[in-house]
Protein backbone atom coordinates (compact mmCIF):
# COMPACT_ATOMS: atom_id res chain seq x y z
CA UNK A 1 78.23 146.57 157.19
CA UNK A 2 79.10 150.24 156.78
CA UNK A 3 75.56 151.11 157.81
CA UNK A 4 75.93 148.99 160.96
CA UNK A 5 79.16 150.80 161.85
CA UNK A 6 77.51 154.18 161.27
CA UNK A 7 74.51 153.21 163.42
CA UNK A 8 76.76 152.12 166.28
CA UNK A 9 78.76 155.33 166.01
CA UNK A 10 75.54 157.38 166.06
CA UNK A 11 74.36 155.44 169.11
CA UNK A 12 77.60 156.22 170.95
CA UNK A 13 77.28 159.92 170.15
CA UNK A 14 73.68 159.97 171.38
CA UNK A 15 74.72 158.34 174.66
CA UNK A 16 77.38 160.98 175.21
CA UNK A 17 74.94 163.82 174.53
CA UNK A 18 72.26 162.37 176.82
CA UNK A 19 74.72 162.07 179.69
CA UNK A 20 76.18 165.45 178.84
CA UNK A 21 79.68 164.18 179.41
CA UNK A 22 82.71 164.38 177.19
CA UNK A 23 83.73 160.77 177.77
CA UNK A 24 83.13 158.25 174.99
CA UNK A 25 82.88 154.72 176.29
CA UNK A 26 85.91 152.61 175.44
CA UNK A 27 83.73 149.55 174.89
CA UNK A 28 81.87 151.37 172.13
CA UNK A 29 85.08 152.40 170.40
CA UNK A 30 86.36 148.83 170.57
CA UNK A 31 83.07 147.49 169.20
CA UNK A 32 83.14 149.92 166.26
CA UNK A 33 86.77 148.92 165.60
CA UNK A 34 85.81 145.25 165.59
CA UNK A 35 82.99 145.95 163.15
CA UNK A 36 85.38 147.84 160.86
CA UNK A 37 87.85 144.94 160.90
CA UNK A 38 85.07 142.45 160.21
CA UNK A 39 84.03 144.60 157.24
CA UNK A 40 87.64 144.56 156.04
CA UNK A 41 87.63 140.76 156.11
CA UNK A 42 84.42 140.66 154.07
CA UNK A 43 85.76 142.89 151.28
CA UNK A 44 89.26 141.38 151.39
CA UNK A 45 90.71 139.79 148.24
CA UNK A 46 92.72 136.87 149.60
CA UNK A 47 94.46 136.25 146.27
CA UNK A 48 96.08 139.71 146.25
CA UNK A 49 96.89 140.20 149.93
CA UNK A 50 99.83 138.47 151.57
CA UNK A 51 99.31 135.91 154.31
CA UNK A 52 101.19 138.02 156.85
CA UNK A 53 98.77 140.93 156.43
CA UNK A 54 95.76 138.63 156.79
CA UNK A 55 97.32 137.17 159.94
CA UNK A 56 97.97 140.66 161.31
CA UNK A 57 94.33 141.66 160.73
CA UNK A 58 93.16 138.45 162.38
CA UNK A 59 95.45 139.04 165.37
CA UNK A 60 94.15 142.60 165.72
CA UNK A 61 90.57 141.34 165.67
CA UNK A 62 91.31 138.68 168.28
CA UNK A 63 93.08 141.24 170.49
CA UNK A 64 90.14 143.67 170.27
CA UNK A 65 87.76 140.82 171.04
CA UNK A 66 89.78 139.84 174.10
CA UNK A 67 89.83 143.42 175.39
CA UNK A 68 86.08 143.75 174.83
CA UNK A 69 85.46 140.47 176.66
CA UNK A 70 87.67 141.52 179.59
CA UNK A 71 85.87 144.85 179.90
CA UNK A 72 82.50 143.09 179.84
CA UNK A 73 83.67 140.70 182.55
CA UNK A 74 84.90 143.64 184.62
CA UNK A 75 81.52 145.35 184.31
CA UNK A 76 79.71 142.16 185.32
CA UNK A 77 82.01 141.76 188.33
CA UNK A 78 81.43 145.39 189.36
CA UNK A 79 77.66 144.97 189.13
CA UNK A 80 77.83 141.74 191.11
CA UNK A 81 79.81 143.40 193.90
CA UNK A 82 77.83 146.64 193.84
CA UNK A 83 80.66 148.86 192.70
CA UNK A 84 80.03 151.89 190.52
CA UNK A 85 82.00 152.50 187.35
CA UNK A 86 84.66 155.15 187.80
CA UNK A 87 84.27 158.16 185.55
């Protein structure tokens, strides 16, 4: 899982260098954050951690997923209506 996170991070850096812009895409940052939280759930010891902390991690993952989905829907709507992404 760590390798997957590193590969996604490398991919985002390569995109920034190819475009020669200083803007890192928010969707990529959210995706890497979701991968990191998923990794946390995999290595989590549920017998040691309190239920409130597990619920907080789950809520954070759901919130990041919702934001990612909304951004993807916005991009699809922009493409459908022929609008360019603002930079």
